[in-house]
Amino acid sequence: MRQLTPNFHEREFACKDALRGKTSPPFCNGSVGKGISQELVNGLQQVRDKVGKPILVTSGYRCPAYNASLSGAASQSKHMKGTAADIRVDGMTSEQLMKVVEELNLFTGRGLYPGQGFVHVDVRNGLHGSVTRWVKRINKPYQGVTSFKGLV
């Protein structure tokens, strides 16, 4: 595995299947599939530079088998393509982190998970472009929103 940017290494994006004890086929045993989108990582580096703290990738690449094993995971998840990451920063709420993402106007998929400690980002339409946003509250369905104003 290789260094992708000054602060991100490919291993940070490896599938978490092996860590969850899922190591036999059809699971990938901690791979990164065909790789992680450099565009995604470049955007994460910009967020890292802005906040001045390490960004923890809680979920990067997911092999199809691992993705299917997760409750509530989208069947066409961008994680399976290496174009999405769920991230958190110690000492920041998900709302504070999303505010930085919004200020930098990065990522074209942005999911806010209030109270769950992470934010989803992806490059479904590139790093800059038409943005899809959502808020996922615990035990409540997805709610499409056009802006996070008032939430962050």
Protein backbone atom coordinates (compact mmCIF):
# COMPACT_ATOMS: atom_id res chain seq x y z
CA MET A 1 0.00 0.00 0.00
CA ARG A 2 1.19 3.53 -0.71
CA GLN A 3 1.21 7.09 0.57
CA LEU A 4 -1.54 9.04 -1.23
CA THR A 5 -1.02 12.58 0.14
CA PRO A 6 1.18 14.02 2.90
CA ASN A 7 -1.36 12.93 5.55
CA PHE A 8 -3.15 9.94 4.05
CA HIS A 9 -1.95 6.41 3.41
CA GLU A 10 -3.88 3.88 1.36
CA ARG A 11 -4.15 1.48 4.34
CA GLU A 12 -6.45 4.02 6.09
CA PHE A 13 -9.06 3.33 3.40
CA ALA A 14 -8.83 -0.49 3.49
CA CYS A 15 -12.05 -2.48 3.84
CA LYS A 16 -12.90 -3.15 7.49
CA ASP A 17 -14.15 -6.69 6.81
CA ALA A 18 -11.09 -8.42 8.26
CA LEU A 19 -11.25 -6.24 11.38
CA ARG A 20 -14.83 -7.48 11.86
CA GLY A 21 -13.76 -11.14 11.53
CA LYS A 22 -14.97 -11.54 7.94
CA THR A 23 -11.89 -12.96 6.23
CA SER A 24 -13.07 -15.83 4.03
CA PRO A 25 -14.52 -15.47 0.52
CA PRO A 26 -16.52 -13.60 -0.65
CA PHE A 27 -14.93 -11.00 1.67
CA CYS A 28 -11.79 -9.20 0.47
CA ASN A 29 -9.77 -9.44 3.69
CA GLY A 30 -8.91 -5.75 4.01
CA SER A 31 -8.20 -4.75 0.42
CA VAL A 32 -8.81 -1.41 -1.29
CA GLY A 33 -10.37 -3.02 -4.35
CA LYS A 34 -9.25 -1.26 -7.53
CA GLY A 35 -7.97 1.62 -5.41
CA ILE A 36 -9.10 4.81 -3.74
CA SER A 37 -10.05 7.87 -5.76
CA GLN A 38 -7.17 10.34 -5.70
CA GLU A 39 -9.73 13.11 -6.08
CA LEU A 40 -11.41 11.96 -2.84
CA VAL A 41 -8.09 11.85 -0.99
CA ASN A 42 -7.04 15.26 -2.32
CA GLY A 43 -10.28 16.72 -0.95
CA LEU A 44 -9.71 15.06 2.42
CA GLN A 45 -6.21 16.53 2.48
CA GLN A 46 -7.72 20.00 1.99
CA VAL A 47 -10.08 19.40 4.92
CA ARG A 48 -7.15 18.13 7.02
CA ASP A 49 -5.12 21.24 6.17
CA LYS A 50 -8.05 23.49 7.15
CA VAL A 51 -8.84 21.84 10.51
CA GLY A 52 -5.19 21.28 11.42
CA LYS A 53 -5.98 17.90 13.00
CA PRO A 54 -5.87 14.30 11.79
CA ILE A 55 -8.92 13.01 9.95
CA LEU A 56 -9.89 9.49 10.89
CA VAL A 57 -11.38 7.40 8.11
CA THR A 58 -14.00 5.25 9.82
CA SER A 59 -15.08 3.65 6.54
CA GLY A 60 -13.31 3.88 3.19
CA TYR A 61 -13.42 1.13 0.59
CA ARG A 62 -15.99 -1.63 1.17
CA CYS A 63 -15.98 -4.84 -0.81
CA PRO A 64 -19.47 -5.79 -2.03
CA ALA A 65 -19.78 -8.63 0.49
CA TYR A 66 -18.87 -6.42 3.43
CA ASN A 67 -21.14 -3.63 2.25
CA ALA A 68 -24.04 -6.09 1.98
CA SER A 69 -23.37 -7.27 5.54
CA LEU A 70 -23.87 -3.76 6.96
CA SER A 71 -27.31 -2.78 8.17
CA GLY A 72 -28.59 0.24 6.26
CA ALA A 73 -25.75 0.37 3.71
CA ALA A 74 -26.82 1.48 0.23
CA SER A 75 -26.76 -1.33 -2.33
CA GLN A 76 -24.99 0.98 -4.80
CA SER A 77 -22.71 2.54 -2.18
CA LYS A 78 -19.90 4.78 -3.44
CA HIS A 79 -17.70 3.04 -0.86
CA MET A 80 -17.60 -0.02 -3.14
CA LYS A 81 -16.05 2.12 -5.88
CA GLY A 82 -13.41 3.69 -3.64
CA THR A 83 -14.98 7.12 -4.12
CA ALA A 84 -16.44 7.65 -0.62
CA ALA A 85 -15.30 7.90 2.97
CA ASP A 86 -16.93 8.28 6.35
CA ILE A 87 -14.72 10.56 8.44
CA ARG A 88 -14.41 12.06 11.88
CA VAL A 89 -12.05 14.41 13.70
CA ASP A 90 -11.37 14.05 17.41
CA GLY A 91 -12.70 17.09 19.27
CA MET A 92 -15.18 18.05 16.52
CA THR A 93 -18.85 17.21 16.20
CA SER A 94 -20.18 15.92 12.90
CA GLU A 95 -21.91 19.30 12.48
CA GLN A 96 -18.63 21.20 12.96
CA LEU A 97 -16.85 18.94 10.48
CA MET A 98 -19.64 19.31 7.93
CA LYS A 99 -19.39 23.08 8.29
CA VAL A 100 -15.74 22.90 7.19
CA VAL A 101 -16.65 20.69 4.22
CA GLU A 102 -19.39 23.15 3.24
CA GLU A 103 -17.10 26.18 3.64
CA LEU A 104 -14.48 24.59 1.40
CA ASN A 105 -17.25 23.54 -1.01
CA LEU A 106 -15.71 20.12 -1.41
CA PHE A 107 -17.25 16.77 -2.37
CA THR A 108 -20.41 16.25 -4.37
CA GLY A 109 -21.92 13.76 -1.94
CA ARG A 110 -22.26 15.03 1.64
CA GLY A 111 -24.03 13.16 4.41
CA LEU A 112 -24.45 14.54 7.90
CA TYR A 113 -24.96 12.02 10.71
CA PRO A 114 -25.86 14.11 13.80
CA GLY A 115 -24.95 12.50 17.09
CA GLN A 116 -23.18 9.62 15.36
CA GLY A 117 -19.77 11.30 15.22
CA PHE A 118 -19.06 11.11 11.50
CA VAL A 119 -19.67 12.71 8.12
CA HIS A 120 -19.94 10.92 4.77
CA VAL A 121 -18.19 12.50 1.78
CA ASP A 122 -17.91 11.25 -1.78
CA VAL A 123 -16.95 12.38 -5.25
CA ARG A 124 -19.98 11.06 -7.17
CA ASN A 125 -19.87 14.09 -9.51
CA GLY A 126 -16.22 14.95 -8.93
CA LEU A 127 -14.72 17.04 -6.16
CA HIS A 128 -16.62 20.15 -7.26
CA GLY A 129 -19.95 20.16 -9.07
CA SER A 130 -23.59 19.31 -8.48
CA VAL A 131 -23.97 18.42 -4.79
CA THR A 132 -26.23 15.80 -3.20
CA ARG A 133 -26.80 16.35 0.54
CA TRP A 134 -28.63 14.40 3.20
CA VAL A 135 -29.07 14.15 6.95
CA LYS A 136 -29.42 10.75 8.63
CA ARG A 137 -30.68 10.90 12.16
CA ILE A 138 -30.55 7.90 14.47
CA ASN A 139 -33.68 5.75 14.00
CA LYS A 140 -35.12 8.12 11.41
CA PRO A 141 -35.19 7.85 7.62
CA TYR A 142 -32.95 9.82 5.30
CA GLN A 143 -34.10 13.37 4.79
CA GLY A 144 -33.06 15.14 1.60
CA VAL A 145 -31.90 18.69 2.24
CA THR A 146 -30.57 21.35 -0.05
CA SER A 147 -28.54 23.10 2.63
CA PHE A 148 -27.11 22.32 6.03
CA LYS A 149 -27.69 25.92 7.17
CA GLY A 150 -29.24 25.90 10.59
CA LEU A 151 -27.92 22.38 11.19
CA VAL A 152 -24.26 23.34 11.49
